[in-house]
Amino acid sequence: MTRMDDQDWNANRRCQQWKDWIQSHGPQLLLFARQRTRSLEDAEDLVQTAILRLWSANPECDCPEMPQFIRAIRWGAIDQGRMISRRQERERDFQQSAELVSGPFFEVDFEAQERGRLVQAALQELDAAQREVIVLKVWGGLTAGEIGEALEISANTVSSRYRYGLSALKKRLGAVIS
């Protein structure tokens, strides 16, 4: 095998690793991004931007860990929020504010659609910090340590937010979850 063949093989291997990683973790990243954006489309843009940023930063390396992606999405959401706020200020004189339509958090079958809507509404009523931890833990499948690393808080804080958030969800949802 020549040096060029080795480079091609390594590049193809890395490319396949990224594809597999995105296929495996993409829905979790999208769900996390959806909690920080105003629409499903913004969340998709945010995930794509985070992936491109991390890959562009070091295309020769294997896939970064999940906490790196979470941080990239969080910072991207902050940037995106600022950009949107500025644009809305500019457009305020030219059009009436339109209510943004948000897509569902979950893809559900017809029978579970109402339950999903109720859970989505209950999640939106939670404190943002609690909601963030619950989404990362329940739907993202991350451990308290991974969430703490991603959000730059202690694992004990993650556990407290998770516990209090679940308690608040149970109170809001009542018979729906029993």
C-alpha atoms as a PDB file:
ATOM      1  CA  MET A   1       0.000   0.000   0.000  1.00  0.00           C
ATOM      2  CA  THR A   2       1.374   3.402  -0.902  1.00  0.00           C
ATOM      3  CA  ARG A   3       1.312   6.487   1.292  1.00  0.00           C
ATOM      4  CA  MET A   4      -1.522   7.946  -0.812  1.00  0.00           C
ATOM      5  CA  ASP A   5      -3.560   4.750  -0.413  1.00  0.00           C
ATOM      6  CA  ASP A   6      -3.067   4.927   3.375  1.00  0.00           C
ATOM      7  CA  GLN A   7      -4.247   8.537   3.424  1.00  0.00           C
ATOM      8  CA  ASP A   8      -7.310   7.697   1.323  1.00  0.00           C
ATOM      9  CA  TRP A   9      -8.112   4.706   3.522  1.00  0.00           C
ATOM     10  CA  ASN A  10      -7.780   6.803   6.708  1.00  0.00           C
ATOM     11  CA  ALA A  11      -9.890   9.593   5.228  1.00  0.00           C
ATOM     12  CA  ASN A  12     -12.609   7.124   4.205  1.00  0.00           C
ATOM     13  CA  ARG A  13     -12.505   5.490   7.652  1.00  0.00           C
ATOM     14  CA  ARG A  14     -12.883   8.864   9.399  1.00  0.00           C
ATOM     15  CA  CYS A  15     -15.676   9.851   7.038  1.00  0.00           C
ATOM     16  CA  GLN A  16     -17.545   6.617   7.797  1.00  0.00           C
ATOM     17  CA  GLN A  17     -16.980   7.090  11.543  1.00  0.00           C
ATOM     18  CA  TRP A  18     -18.528  10.566  11.355  1.00  0.00           C
ATOM     19  CA  LYS A  19     -21.481   9.268   9.318  1.00  0.00           C
ATOM     20  CA  ASP A  20     -22.102   6.448  11.770  1.00  0.00           C
ATOM     21  CA  TRP A  21     -21.745   8.776  14.767  1.00  0.00           C
ATOM     22  CA  ILE A  22     -24.159  11.320  13.309  1.00  0.00           C
ATOM     23  CA  GLN A  23     -26.639   8.581  12.413  1.00  0.00           C
ATOM     24  CA  SER A  24     -26.455   7.243  15.954  1.00  0.00           C
ATOM     25  CA  HIS A  25     -26.440  10.532  17.932  1.00  0.00           C
ATOM     26  CA  GLY A  26     -28.168  12.940  15.530  1.00  0.00           C
ATOM     27  CA  PRO A  27     -31.680  12.536  16.987  1.00  0.00           C
ATOM     28  CA  GLN A  28     -30.358  13.228  20.507  1.00  0.00           C
ATOM     29  CA  LEU A  29     -28.521  16.330  19.322  1.00  0.00           C
ATOM     30  CA  LEU A  30     -31.592  17.521  17.429  1.00  0.00           C
ATOM     31  CA  LEU A  31     -33.812  17.074  20.473  1.00  0.00           C
ATOM     32  CA  PHE A  32     -31.365  19.010  22.634  1.00  0.00           C
ATOM     33  CA  ALA A  33     -31.103  21.762  20.002  1.00  0.00           C
ATOM     34  CA  ARG A  34     -34.901  21.885  19.722  1.00  0.00           C
ATOM     35  CA  GLN A  35     -35.078  22.859  23.398  1.00  0.00           C
ATOM     36  CA  ARG A  36     -32.938  25.901  22.676  1.00  0.00           C
ATOM     37  CA  THR A  37     -34.524  27.132  19.441  1.00  0.00           C
ATOM     38  CA  ARG A  38     -37.810  28.495  18.250  1.00  0.00           C
ATOM     39  CA  SER A  39     -38.464  25.973  15.495  1.00  0.00           C
ATOM     40  CA  LEU A  40     -37.446  22.556  14.254  1.00  0.00           C
ATOM     41  CA  GLU A  41     -35.733  24.133  11.258  1.00  0.00           C
ATOM     42  CA  ASP A  42     -33.583  26.364  13.497  1.00  0.00           C
ATOM     43  CA  ALA A  43     -32.666  23.302  15.558  1.00  0.00           C
ATOM     44  CA  GLU A  44     -31.639  21.402  12.417  1.00  0.00           C
ATOM     45  CA  ASP A  45     -29.500  24.349  11.318  1.00  0.00           C
ATOM     46  CA  LEU A  46     -27.921  24.493  14.764  1.00  0.00           C
ATOM     47  CA  VAL A  47     -26.988  20.807  14.752  1.00  0.00           C
ATOM     48  CA  GLN A  48     -25.572  21.043  11.244  1.00  0.00           C
ATOM     49  CA  THR A  49     -23.514  24.101  12.171  1.00  0.00           C
ATOM     50  CA  ALA A  50     -22.157  22.385  15.300  1.00  0.00           C
ATOM     51  CA  ILE A  51     -21.146  19.324  13.299  1.00  0.00           C
ATOM     52  CA  LEU A  52     -19.426  21.440  10.667  1.00  0.00           C
ATOM     53  CA  ARG A  53     -17.620  23.544  13.288  1.00  0.00           C
ATOM     54  CA  LEU A  54     -16.264  20.546  15.134  1.00  0.00           C
ATOM     55  CA  TRP A  55     -15.279  18.720  11.973  1.00  0.00           C
ATOM     56  CA  SER A  56     -13.654  21.835  10.473  1.00  0.00           C
ATOM     57  CA  ALA A  57     -11.685  22.439  13.651  1.00  0.00           C
ATOM     58  CA  ASN A  58      -9.841  19.159  13.209  1.00  0.00           C
ATOM     59  CA  PRO A  59     -10.884  17.006  10.236  1.00  0.00           C
ATOM     60  CA  GLU A  60      -8.007  14.595  10.846  1.00  0.00           C
ATOM     61  CA  CYS A  61      -9.387  13.427  14.201  1.00  0.00           C
ATOM     62  CA  ASP A  62     -12.082  10.955  15.059  1.00  0.00           C
ATOM     63  CA  CYS A  63     -15.496  12.136  16.203  1.00  0.00           C
ATOM     64  CA  PRO A  64     -15.522  14.375  19.286  1.00  0.00           C
ATOM     65  CA  GLU A  65     -17.289  13.303  22.454  1.00  0.00           C
ATOM     66  CA  MET A  66     -20.969  14.143  23.017  1.00  0.00           C
ATOM     67  CA  PRO A  67     -20.230  16.933  25.577  1.00  0.00           C
ATOM     68  CA  GLN A  68     -18.262  18.814  22.909  1.00  0.00           C
ATOM     69  CA  PHE A  69     -21.273  18.700  20.611  1.00  0.00           C
ATOM     70  CA  ILE A  70     -23.598  19.819  23.415  1.00  0.00           C
ATOM     71  CA  ARG A  71     -21.344  22.815  24.151  1.00  0.00           C
ATOM     72  CA  ALA A  72     -21.156  23.684  20.441  1.00  0.00           C
ATOM     73  CA  ILE A  73     -24.952  23.573  20.207  1.00  0.00           C
ATOM     74  CA  ARG A  74     -25.376  25.684  23.352  1.00  0.00           C
ATOM     75  CA  TRP A  75     -22.999  28.370  22.092  1.00  0.00           C
ATOM     76  CA  GLY A  76     -24.539  28.203  18.632  1.00  0.00           C
ATOM     77  CA  ALA A  77     -27.995  28.671  20.153  1.00  0.00           C
ATOM     78  CA  ILE A  78     -26.787  31.761  21.984  1.00  0.00           C
ATOM     79  CA  ASP A  79     -25.349  33.189  18.769  1.00  0.00           C
ATOM     80  CA  GLN A  80     -28.465  32.251  16.860  1.00  0.00           C
ATOM     81  CA  GLY A  81     -30.667  33.888  19.510  1.00  0.00           C
ATOM     82  CA  ARG A  82     -28.718  37.131  19.309  1.00  0.00           C
ATOM     83  CA  MET A  83     -28.855  37.110  15.528  1.00  0.00           C
ATOM     84  CA  ILE A  84     -32.601  36.529  15.546  1.00  0.00           C
ATOM     85  CA  SER A  85     -33.168  39.281  18.122  1.00  0.00           C
ATOM     86  CA  ARG A  86     -31.232  41.766  16.048  1.00  0.00           C
ATOM     87  CA  ARG A  87     -33.095  40.812  12.893  1.00  0.00           C
ATOM     88  CA  GLN A  88     -36.441  41.143  14.649  1.00  0.00           C
ATOM     89  CA  GLU A  89     -35.525  44.617  15.851  1.00  0.00           C
ATOM     90  CA  ARG A  90     -34.724  45.639  12.278  1.00  0.00           C
ATOM     91  CA  GLU A  91     -37.904  44.133  10.914  1.00  0.00           C
ATOM     92  CA  ARG A  92     -40.208  45.469  13.619  1.00  0.00           C
ATOM     93  CA  ASP A  93     -40.840  48.629  11.602  1.00  0.00           C
ATOM     94  CA  PHE A  94     -41.692  46.692   8.456  1.00  0.00           C
ATOM     95  CA  GLN A  95     -43.958  43.884   9.580  1.00  0.00           C
ATOM     96  CA  GLN A  96     -46.112  42.737  12.434  1.00  0.00           C
ATOM     97  CA  SER A  97     -44.610  40.189  14.734  1.00  0.00           C
ATOM     98  CA  ALA A  98     -45.741  36.741  13.664  1.00  0.00           C
ATOM     99  CA  GLU A  99     -46.027  33.924  16.103  1.00  0.00           C
ATOM    100  CA  LEU A 100     -43.424  31.311  15.320  1.00  0.00           C
ATOM    101  CA  VAL A 101     -44.741  27.854  14.678  1.00  0.00           C
ATOM    102  CA  SER A 102     -42.902  25.153  16.509  1.00  0.00           C
ATOM    103  CA  GLY A 103     -42.758  21.564  15.443  1.00  0.00           C
ATOM    104  CA  PRO A 104     -43.265  18.682  17.786  1.00  0.00           C
ATOM    105  CA  PHE A 105     -40.424  17.491  20.001  1.00  0.00           C
ATOM    106  CA  PHE A 106     -41.129  13.871  19.226  1.00  0.00           C
ATOM    107  CA  GLU A 107     -42.128  11.835  16.225  1.00  0.00           C
ATOM    108  CA  VAL A 108     -45.105   9.878  17.489  1.00  0.00           C
ATOM    109  CA  ASP A 109     -47.828   7.674  16.114  1.00  0.00           C
ATOM    110  CA  PHE A 110     -51.406   8.881  16.107  1.00  0.00           C
ATOM    111  CA  GLU A 111     -52.370   7.219  19.407  1.00  0.00           C
ATOM    112  CA  ALA A 112     -49.487   8.830  21.321  1.00  0.00           C
ATOM    113  CA  GLN A 113     -49.818  12.265  19.734  1.00  0.00           C
ATOM    114  CA  GLU A 114     -51.949  13.734  22.523  1.00  0.00           C
ATOM    115  CA  ARG A 115     -49.639  12.410  25.230  1.00  0.00           C
ATOM    116  CA  GLY A 116     -46.640  13.834  23.371  1.00  0.00           C
ATOM    117  CA  ARG A 117     -48.353  17.216  23.138  1.00  0.00           C
ATOM    118  CA  LEU A 118     -49.071  17.198  26.878  1.00  0.00           C
ATOM    119  CA  VAL A 119     -45.498  16.192  27.747  1.00  0.00           C
ATOM    120  CA  GLN A 120     -44.158  18.854  25.376  1.00  0.00           C
ATOM    121  CA  ALA A 121     -46.327  21.506  27.020  1.00  0.00           C
ATOM    122  CA  ALA A 122     -45.279  20.363  30.496  1.00  0.00           C
ATOM    123  CA  LEU A 123     -41.604  20.451  29.482  1.00  0.00           C
ATOM    124  CA  GLN A 124     -42.008  24.001  28.199  1.00  0.00           C
ATOM    125  CA  GLU A 125     -43.391  25.064  31.588  1.00  0.00           C
ATOM    126  CA  LEU A 126     -40.278  23.814  33.411  1.00  0.00           C
ATOM    127  CA  ASP A 127     -37.365  26.007  34.325  1.00  0.00           C
ATOM    128  CA  ALA A 128     -34.952  26.063  31.356  1.00  0.00           C
ATOM    129  CA  ALA A 129     -32.122  24.529  33.396  1.00  0.00           C
ATOM    130  CA  GLN A 130     -34.305  21.633  34.556  1.00  0.00           C
ATOM    131  CA  ARG A 131     -35.711  21.085  31.057  1.00  0.00           C
ATOM    132  CA  GLU A 132     -32.206  21.004  29.593  1.00  0.00           C
ATOM    133  CA  VAL A 133     -31.021  18.368  32.074  1.00  0.00           C
ATOM    134  CA  ILE A 134     -34.142  16.206  31.656  1.00  0.00           C
ATOM    135  CA  VAL A 135     -33.897  16.227  27.866  1.00  0.00           C
ATOM    136  CA  LEU A 136     -30.206  15.316  27.939  1.00  0.00           C
ATOM    137  CA  LYS A 137     -30.750  12.561  30.518  1.00  0.00           C
ATOM    138  CA  VAL A 138     -33.988  10.982  29.307  1.00  0.00           C
ATOM    139  CA  TRP A 139     -33.867  11.456  25.555  1.00  0.00           C
ATOM    140  CA  GLY A 140     -30.162  12.126  25.108  1.00  0.00           C
ATOM    141  CA  GLY A 141     -29.099   9.125  27.171  1.00  0.00           C
ATOM    142  CA  LEU A 142     -26.246  11.005  28.861  1.00  0.00           C
ATOM    143  CA  THR A 143     -25.006  10.345  32.376  1.00  0.00           C
ATOM    144  CA  ALA A 144     -24.983  13.008  35.083  1.00  0.00           C
ATOM    145  CA  GLY A 145     -21.218  13.328  34.640  1.00  0.00           C
ATOM    146  CA  GLU A 146     -21.507  13.821  30.874  1.00  0.00           C
ATOM    147  CA  ILE A 147     -24.301  16.352  31.297  1.00  0.00           C
ATOM    148  CA  GLY A 148     -22.278  18.186  33.934  1.00  0.00           C
ATOM    149  CA  GLU A 149     -19.279  18.323  31.627  1.00  0.00           C
ATOM    150  CA  ALA A 150     -21.383  19.535  28.709  1.00  0.00           C
ATOM    151  CA  LEU A 151     -23.206  22.202  30.718  1.00  0.00           C
ATOM    152  CA  GLU A 152     -20.155  23.068  32.815  1.00  0.00           C
ATOM    153  CA  ILE A 153     -21.888  22.321  36.129  1.00  0.00           C
ATOM    154  CA  SER A 154     -21.292  19.684  38.802  1.00  0.00           C
ATOM    155  CA  ALA A 155     -22.853  16.223  38.632  1.00  0.00           C
ATOM    156  CA  ASN A 156     -24.626  17.001  41.921  1.00  0.00           C
ATOM    157  CA  THR A 157     -26.261  20.053  40.353  1.00  0.00           C
ATOM    158  CA  VAL A 158     -27.314  17.901  37.393  1.00  0.00           C
ATOM    159  CA  SER A 159     -28.873  15.352  39.773  1.00  0.00           C
ATOM    160  CA  SER A 160     -30.736  18.059  41.696  1.00  0.00           C
ATOM    161  CA  ARG A 161     -32.108  19.686  38.550  1.00  0.00           C
ATOM    162  CA  TYR A 162     -33.140  16.278  37.235  1.00  0.00           C
ATOM    163  CA  ARG A 163     -34.877  15.293  40.473  1.00  0.00           C
ATOM    164  CA  TYR A 164     -36.713  18.632  40.873  1.00  0.00           C
ATOM    165  CA  GLY A 165     -37.611  18.721  37.177  1.00  0.00           C
ATOM    166  CA  LEU A 166     -39.099  15.215  37.255  1.00  0.00           C
ATOM    167  CA  SER A 167     -41.055  16.106  40.369  1.00  0.00           C
ATOM    168  CA  ALA A 168     -42.473  19.191  38.645  1.00  0.00           C
ATOM    169  CA  LEU A 169     -43.329  17.140  35.537  1.00  0.00           C
ATOM    170  CA  LYS A 170     -45.164  14.554  37.630  1.00  0.00           C
ATOM    171  CA  LYS A 171     -47.234  17.299  39.272  1.00  0.00           C
ATOM    172  CA  ARG A 172     -48.087  18.866  35.901  1.00  0.00           C
ATOM    173  CA  LEU A 173     -48.888  15.640  34.090  1.00  0.00           C
ATOM    174  CA  GLY A 174     -50.722  13.841  36.888  1.00  0.00           C
ATOM    175  CA  ALA A 175     -52.803  11.010  35.443  1.00  0.00           C
ATOM    176  CA  VAL A 176     -51.255  11.231  31.988  1.00  0.00           C
ATOM    177  CA  ILE A 177     -48.112   9.389  33.083  1.00  0.00           C
ATOM    178  CA  SER A 178     -49.750   6.811  35.332  1.00  0.00           C
END
